[in-house]
Structure formats: C-alpha cells, structure tokens
Protein backbone atom coordinates (compact mmCIF):
# COMPACT_ATOMS: atom_id res chain seq x y z
CA MET A 1 0.05 -0.02 -0.01
CA LYS A 2 2.89 2.34 0.75
CA GLU A 3 4.43 1.80 -2.63
CA LEU A 4 0.88 2.31 -4.24
CA ARG A 5 0.38 5.56 -2.45
CA ALA A 6 3.91 6.68 -3.38
CA GLY A 7 3.09 5.88 -7.04
CA TYR A 8 -0.10 7.89 -6.93
CA LEU A 9 1.74 10.79 -5.36
CA PHE A 10 4.34 10.86 -8.09
CA VAL A 11 1.58 10.71 -10.77
CA LEU A 12 -0.57 13.36 -9.13
CA PRO A 13 1.36 16.59 -10.23
CA ALA A 14 1.19 15.33 -13.85
CA LEU A 15 -2.48 14.45 -13.38
CA VAL A 16 -3.31 17.93 -12.07
CA TYR A 17 -1.32 19.60 -14.86
CA MET A 18 -3.18 17.54 -17.55
CA LEU A 19 -6.56 18.17 -16.04
CA PHE A 20 -5.96 21.91 -15.77
CA PHE A 21 -4.25 22.59 -19.05
CA VAL A 22 -5.81 19.94 -21.27
CA GLY A 23 -8.89 18.50 -19.66
CA TYR A 24 -10.56 21.79 -18.67
CA PRO A 25 -9.97 23.48 -22.07
CA ILE A 26 -11.48 20.50 -23.92
CA VAL A 27 -14.57 20.45 -21.65
CA ASP A 28 -15.00 24.19 -21.84
CA ASN A 29 -14.67 24.06 -25.67
CA VAL A 30 -17.49 21.47 -25.85
CA ARG A 31 -19.54 23.75 -23.63
CA LEU A 32 -18.86 26.81 -25.77
CA SER A 33 -19.95 24.98 -28.89
CA LEU A 34 -23.42 24.32 -27.28
CA PHE A 35 -24.05 28.07 -26.80
CA ASP A 36 -24.43 30.99 -29.11
CA VAL A 37 -21.32 33.01 -28.26
CA ASN A 38 -20.26 35.86 -30.51
CA VAL A 39 -18.61 39.23 -30.34
CA MET A 40 -21.98 40.92 -29.59
CA ASN A 41 -22.82 38.95 -26.43
CA LEU A 42 -19.32 37.91 -25.30
CA ALA A 43 -19.19 40.63 -22.60
CA SER A 44 -22.86 40.81 -21.76
CA GLY A 45 -23.04 37.34 -20.31
CA HIS A 46 -26.38 36.59 -22.10
CA GLN A 47 -25.42 33.56 -24.26
CA PRO A 48 -28.38 31.46 -25.17
CA TYR A 49 -28.10 27.68 -25.21
CA VAL A 50 -28.59 26.30 -28.74
CA GLY A 51 -27.50 22.62 -28.41
CA LEU A 52 -26.28 21.15 -31.60
CA ASP A 53 -27.48 23.98 -33.77
CA ASN A 54 -23.81 25.24 -34.26
CA TYR A 55 -22.84 21.83 -35.80
CA THR A 56 -25.98 21.70 -37.87
CA ALA A 57 -25.40 25.23 -39.27
CA LEU A 58 -21.79 24.31 -40.10
CA PHE A 59 -22.65 21.20 -42.02
CA ASN A 60 -25.60 22.83 -43.74
CA GLU A 61 -23.49 25.80 -44.81
CA GLY A 62 -21.12 23.22 -46.46
CA THR A 63 -17.67 24.83 -45.97
CA ILE A 64 -16.67 22.45 -43.28
CA LYS A 65 -17.18 19.44 -45.67
CA LEU A 66 -14.83 21.06 -48.10
CA VAL A 67 -12.41 21.88 -45.35
CA LEU A 68 -12.49 18.32 -44.01
CA LEU A 69 -11.72 16.99 -47.52
CA HIS A 70 -8.83 19.34 -47.94
CA THR A 71 -7.49 18.37 -44.50
CA PHE A 72 -7.69 14.66 -45.30
CA VAL A 73 -6.14 15.17 -48.83
CA PHE A 74 -3.35 17.34 -47.37
CA THR A 75 -2.69 14.78 -44.51
CA ALA A 76 -2.78 11.77 -46.90
CA ALA A 77 -0.33 13.43 -49.49
CA CYS A 78 2.10 14.56 -46.75
CA LEU A 79 2.12 11.09 -45.05
CA VAL A 80 2.89 9.24 -48.28
CA LEU A 81 5.61 11.60 -49.36
CA GLN A 82 7.23 11.89 -45.92
CA PHE A 83 7.20 8.12 -45.37
CA VAL A 84 8.52 7.14 -48.73
CA ILE A 85 11.31 9.73 -48.79
CA GLY A 86 12.09 9.10 -45.07
CA LEU A 87 12.31 5.40 -45.63
CA ALA A 88 14.69 5.84 -48.71
CA LEU A 89 16.91 8.11 -46.65
CA ALA A 90 16.90 5.76 -43.72
CA LEU A 91 17.97 2.87 -45.99
CA LEU A 92 20.65 5.07 -47.53
CA PHE A 93 22.24 6.24 -44.21
CA ASN A 94 22.03 2.74 -42.78
CA LEU A 95 24.60 1.66 -45.39
CA GLY A 96 27.24 3.33 -43.12
CA PHE A 97 29.32 5.13 -45.79
CA ARG A 98 31.75 7.76 -44.66
CA MET A 99 29.59 10.86 -44.77
CA ALA A 100 26.37 9.13 -43.51
CA GLN A 101 26.37 10.69 -40.07
CA ARG A 102 27.13 14.25 -41.25
CA LEU A 103 24.50 14.08 -44.02
CA ARG A 104 21.96 12.73 -41.57
CA GLY A 105 22.54 15.73 -39.34
CA LEU A 106 22.14 18.12 -42.19
CA VAL A 107 18.75 16.53 -43.09
CA MET A 108 17.62 17.08 -39.62
CA ILE A 109 17.87 20.84 -40.00
CA SER A 110 14.47 21.12 -41.75
CA TRP A 111 12.76 19.32 -38.69
CA LEU A 112 14.60 21.55 -36.10
CA LEU A 113 13.66 24.87 -37.73
CA PRO A 114 10.46 26.51 -36.42
CA ALA A 115 7.43 26.06 -38.74
CA THR A 116 7.00 29.76 -39.01
CA ILE A 117 10.52 30.13 -40.42
CA THR A 118 9.92 27.29 -42.93
CA ALA A 119 6.60 28.87 -43.93
CA MET A 120 8.17 32.22 -44.59
CA MET A 121 10.98 30.52 -46.50
CA PHE A 122 8.73 28.60 -48.79
CA LYS A 123 6.40 31.56 -49.36
CA PHE A 124 9.40 33.69 -50.52
CA MET A 125 10.74 30.84 -52.55
CA PHE A 126 7.49 30.16 -54.38
CA GLY A 127 6.43 33.80 -54.71
CA SER A 128 6.13 35.24 -58.30
CA ASP A 129 9.65 36.61 -58.02
CA GLY A 130 10.99 33.76 -55.94
CA ILE A 131 13.88 31.55 -56.59
CA VAL A 132 11.75 28.70 -57.96
CA ASN A 133 10.24 30.81 -60.80
CA ASP A 134 13.65 32.46 -61.39
CA THR A 135 15.32 29.06 -61.84
CA LEU A 136 12.62 27.73 -64.16
CA LEU A 137 12.82 30.84 -66.24
CA ARG A 138 16.63 30.65 -66.52
CA LEU A 139 16.25 27.04 -67.58
CA HIS A 140 13.52 28.01 -70.15
CA LEU A 141 11.05 25.61 -68.66
CA ILE A 142 8.37 28.28 -68.31
CA GLY A 143 7.67 31.37 -70.32
CA SER A 144 6.30 33.49 -67.45
CA PRO A 145 6.31 33.34 -63.57
CA ILE A 146 3.93 30.84 -62.15
CA GLU A 147 1.60 32.06 -59.38
CA TRP A 148 2.15 29.11 -56.97
CA LEU A 149 0.29 30.46 -53.99
CA VAL A 150 -2.56 32.08 -55.93
CA SER A 151 -3.66 29.10 -58.05
CA SER A 152 -5.99 26.73 -56.28
CA GLY A 153 -4.25 23.47 -57.25
CA LEU A 154 -0.67 24.76 -56.94
CA ALA A 155 -1.23 26.40 -53.62
CA MET A 156 -2.18 23.00 -52.09
CA PHE A 157 0.78 21.37 -53.76
CA THR A 158 3.12 24.04 -52.41
CA VAL A 159 1.75 23.69 -48.84
CA VAL A 160 2.13 19.97 -49.19
CA LEU A 161 5.67 20.34 -50.36
CA ALA A 162 6.57 22.59 -47.42
CA ASN A 163 5.10 20.27 -44.78
CA THR A 164 6.73 17.24 -46.43
CA TRP A 165 10.14 19.02 -46.09
CA ILE A 166 9.56 19.40 -42.41
CA GLY A 167 8.35 15.81 -41.66
CA ILE A 168 10.97 13.89 -43.77
CA PRO A 169 13.63 13.93 -40.97
CA PHE A 170 11.17 12.73 -38.41
CA ASN A 171 10.27 9.68 -40.57
CA MET A 172 13.90 9.13 -41.36
CA ILE A 173 15.13 9.13 -37.79
CA LEU A 174 12.50 6.84 -36.45
CA LEU A 175 12.85 4.28 -39.23
CA SER A 176 16.56 4.43 -39.06
CA THR A 177 16.53 3.82 -35.44
CA ALA A 178 14.04 0.96 -35.78
CA MET A 179 16.34 -0.59 -38.48
CA THR A 180 19.22 -0.76 -36.01
CA THR A 181 17.13 -3.15 -33.89
CA ILE A 182 16.84 -5.79 -36.62
CA PRO A 183 19.62 -8.50 -36.06
CA ARG A 184 22.10 -8.57 -38.88
CA ASP A 185 22.29 -12.39 -38.64
CA ILE A 186 18.84 -12.55 -40.35
CA TYR A 187 20.12 -10.65 -43.39
CA GLU A 188 23.32 -12.77 -43.49
CA SER A 189 21.24 -15.97 -43.39
CA ALA A 190 18.81 -14.76 -46.13
CA ALA A 191 21.80 -13.62 -48.30
CA ILE A 192 23.43 -17.13 -47.96
CA ASP A 193 20.00 -18.74 -49.03
CA GLY A 194 20.23 -16.55 -52.13
CA ALA A 195 17.65 -13.89 -51.26
CA THR A 196 18.19 -10.65 -53.31
CA ALA A 197 18.35 -7.27 -51.71
CA VAL A 198 14.90 -6.47 -52.88
CA ARG A 199 13.56 -9.67 -51.48
CA ARG A 200 15.31 -9.12 -48.15
CA PHE A 201 13.69 -5.66 -48.05
CA PHE A 202 10.15 -6.89 -48.54
CA ARG A 203 10.46 -10.20 -46.53
CA ILE A 204 12.62 -8.98 -43.58
CA THR A 205 12.89 -5.25 -43.27
CA LEU A 206 9.29 -4.17 -43.87
CA PRO A 207 7.64 -6.88 -41.68
CA LEU A 208 10.06 -6.20 -38.74
CA LEU A 209 9.51 -2.51 -39.19
CA LYS A 210 5.69 -2.85 -38.91
CA PRO A 211 5.38 -1.66 -35.31
CA ALA A 212 7.52 1.38 -36.02
CA ILE A 213 5.76 2.19 -39.24
CA LEU A 214 2.35 1.98 -37.48
CA SER A 215 3.46 4.38 -34.70
CA LEU A 216 5.00 6.71 -37.33
CA LEU A 217 1.90 6.91 -39.36
CA VAL A 218 -0.38 7.56 -36.57
CA LEU A 219 1.91 10.24 -35.06
CA GLY A 220 2.37 11.68 -38.46
CA PHE A 221 -1.38 11.81 -39.00
CA ILE A 222 -1.94 13.66 -35.79
CA TYR A 223 0.81 16.16 -36.28
CA THR A 224 -0.30 16.80 -39.93
CA PHE A 225 -4.02 16.90 -39.42
CA LYS A 226 -3.81 19.72 -36.94
CA VAL A 227 -1.25 21.80 -38.91
CA PHE A 228 -1.88 25.43 -38.45
CA ASP A 229 1.02 28.01 -38.58
CA LEU A 230 2.40 26.65 -41.76
CA VAL A 231 -0.87 27.12 -43.68
CA LEU A 232 -1.74 30.36 -41.86
CA ILE A 233 1.42 32.02 -42.95
CA MET A 234 1.86 30.65 -46.49
CA THR A 235 -1.75 30.97 -47.78
CA HIS A 236 -4.00 31.94 -44.91
CA GLY A 237 -6.38 29.22 -46.22
CA GLY A 238 -6.61 30.74 -49.64
CA PRO A 239 -7.05 31.18 -52.40
CA VAL A 240 -10.89 30.93 -51.95
CA ASN A 241 -10.54 28.29 -49.18
CA ALA A 242 -8.31 26.08 -51.54
CA THR A 243 -6.02 25.35 -48.68
CA GLN A 244 -8.25 25.90 -45.75
CA MET A 245 -7.68 23.31 -43.04
CA MET A 246 -9.72 22.45 -40.07
CA SER A 247 -7.30 24.30 -37.68
CA THR A 248 -7.25 27.47 -39.91
CA TYR A 249 -11.04 27.35 -40.42
CA ALA A 250 -11.48 27.23 -36.63
CA TYR A 251 -9.18 30.14 -36.34
CA ASN A 252 -11.00 32.07 -39.09
CA LEU A 253 -14.45 31.58 -37.49
CA SER A 254 -13.24 32.38 -34.00
CA PHE A 255 -10.87 35.35 -34.40
CA GLU A 256 -11.70 36.83 -37.84
CA GLN A 257 -15.56 36.32 -38.05
CA PHE A 258 -15.87 36.32 -34.18
CA LYS A 259 -18.25 33.36 -34.20
CA TYR A 260 -16.65 31.76 -31.16
CA SER A 261 -19.23 28.93 -30.82
CA GLN A 262 -18.87 27.79 -34.42
CA GLY A 263 -15.05 27.98 -34.09
CA ALA A 264 -15.28 25.81 -31.03
CA ALA A 265 -17.57 23.24 -33.01
CA VAL A 266 -15.03 23.03 -35.72
CA SER A 267 -12.29 22.31 -33.22
CA ASN A 268 -14.41 19.62 -31.59
CA VAL A 269 -14.92 17.94 -34.98
CA MET A 270 -11.15 17.87 -35.45
CA PHE A 271 -10.61 16.62 -31.91
CA LEU A 272 -13.25 13.83 -32.56
CA VAL A 273 -11.27 12.65 -35.66
CA LEU A 274 -8.02 12.63 -33.86
CA LEU A 275 -9.60 10.85 -30.96
CA ILE A 276 -10.88 8.09 -33.22
CA VAL A 277 -7.47 7.70 -34.83
CA GLY A 278 -5.86 7.45 -31.43
CA VAL A 279 -8.30 4.82 -30.26
CA LEU A 280 -7.78 2.77 -33.35
CA TYR A 281 -4.03 3.14 -32.88
CA LEU A 282 -4.18 1.76 -29.34
CA LYS A 283 -6.34 -1.19 -30.41
CA LEU A 284 -4.00 -2.05 -33.26
CA LEU A 285 -1.12 -1.68 -30.88
CA ASN A 286 -2.59 -4.01 -28.29
CA ARG A 287 -3.28 -6.63 -31.04
CA GLU A 288 0.24 -6.47 -32.19
CA GLU A 289 1.51 -6.98 -28.67
CA ARG A 290 -0.85 -9.96 -28.18
CA GLU A 291 0.36 -11.51 -31.43
C-alpha cells in the first residue's frame, strides 16, 4: 500500500497539470460549442443555449465538408511523401558510408527549424519573383512566372511540399533507429540462402518495421491533421478556401468572423477525428503486442 500511495503521489502533479491545461480546455470548448457566443454577447453574459445548432449550421453551410476533404487530402499526401522519402533516406544512411552521419545531421535541420521560419522561407521561394520561378525561367522551362500560391491546385501542392520537407527527418530518424534493432544475422542468413536485396527488404525489413511504421503513421497523421502555422503564414487558407484546413478554419471563425461557438464546434470535430485515430491506434497496438 505504501508503494501504491507513493506511485499515486508521483503521478498526481502530472495528473493535475493535464486536467487543468488539457482536460478543462477540452470540456470548456465543448460547452462553448453548445451556446451562441459571438462578439456581440461575449461581454454581456447573455449567451443562449442552442444545443447542436452550431454543428448543424456548419454542415448545412457546407464549407466544413470542403475543409475536411482538404485536410484529409493534405494529410494523406504529406504522409505518403514523408514516409517514402524518409524510408529511402533511412535505408541510404544505414549503409554506413563515410559521410552518412554528417549528411543525416544536415537533413535534420528542416525538422529543427520553427514551422514559422519554414513557412516564410517557402512563401518567398514560391513567390512570383522567388527563386523557384527564377530558376525555371533561367532553364527556359516556363515562359512567365507561375503564381504558385494564388492558383488553387498549385497552392495545395506548395503547402504539401513545405510540410513534407518538415516531416521527412522525423520519418527518417524513427525508421533508421528501428532498423538498428533488426539483427544482422537474419540478413546474412537470407543472403546465404540466395535472397536478393529487394527480397530481403520486402520479406525481412518491412515486416520487422511494422510496429515502428504503425506508430510513425499515426503520429504523422496527428501532427499533420492539426497543422496550423504553416498554412496560416503561407496561404491563410486561400485562395478561396483552396488550402483551408480544420485548424485554420476554426481560427478564421473564432478570431476573424468572431463566431466563437462555431469555431469551437470545428475544433471539436477535429478533436473527434484525432480521438478516433488514437483509439484505433491503441487497439492495433494491443493486437500487435498480443500477437
């Protein structure tokens, strides 16, 4: 009992911190979404209860459906690109050539930079007079500057590219670390049996990396789905909501249109999606451990 009490006492500060800084804001955000709170009645205290009307109004208006689609497309595109490039780099640096450690450190720079710096950098690079257009013009690949951040399709492509650049090192370092736990004897035995490098990759490396890949994809989904500062600085959700994400849409409703309750409702929808993904991940993880 003494050890049990000691354990609870050690956990108590973290529990209090989580309840105050995480639990209370979530509960209060749910409460806020059930009332009609806007800039007109924020100070008066007269905030009528409307139930689920904020959610109904959002889905009837239709923008949130488009924003959800954009967020899922953005997340899926980033996850695929980050994982494929990160896995390729992890395989490359695990070869152990002379400059591997130094090059791996250089690749990590994009992950260590603040997202705001990366957003500003890509915004200048892909501007009408940025280095990307200048290079393409010098190579005679285009006849006039491309409006990367003004065109709907190209704006999404540019934002995906920027976020992919940020996430590649995270994928690379986790996969590279997981590869070091695979015994070399397995590869040597497979090579003696005549297995090619491609066959060893698909029959040994990928199956043994499955737990790490699962964790990586779930964490990547959570980090990417709630992206905010990158999109806000680069495109502010434009042009015409072409790059509007759930996080930026909630910000737009709350702090630009001053529809606080609808902004809270959008945040709750985003929280629900991430909660479902988290629960599914825990179930898959438990099944993997049982197997």
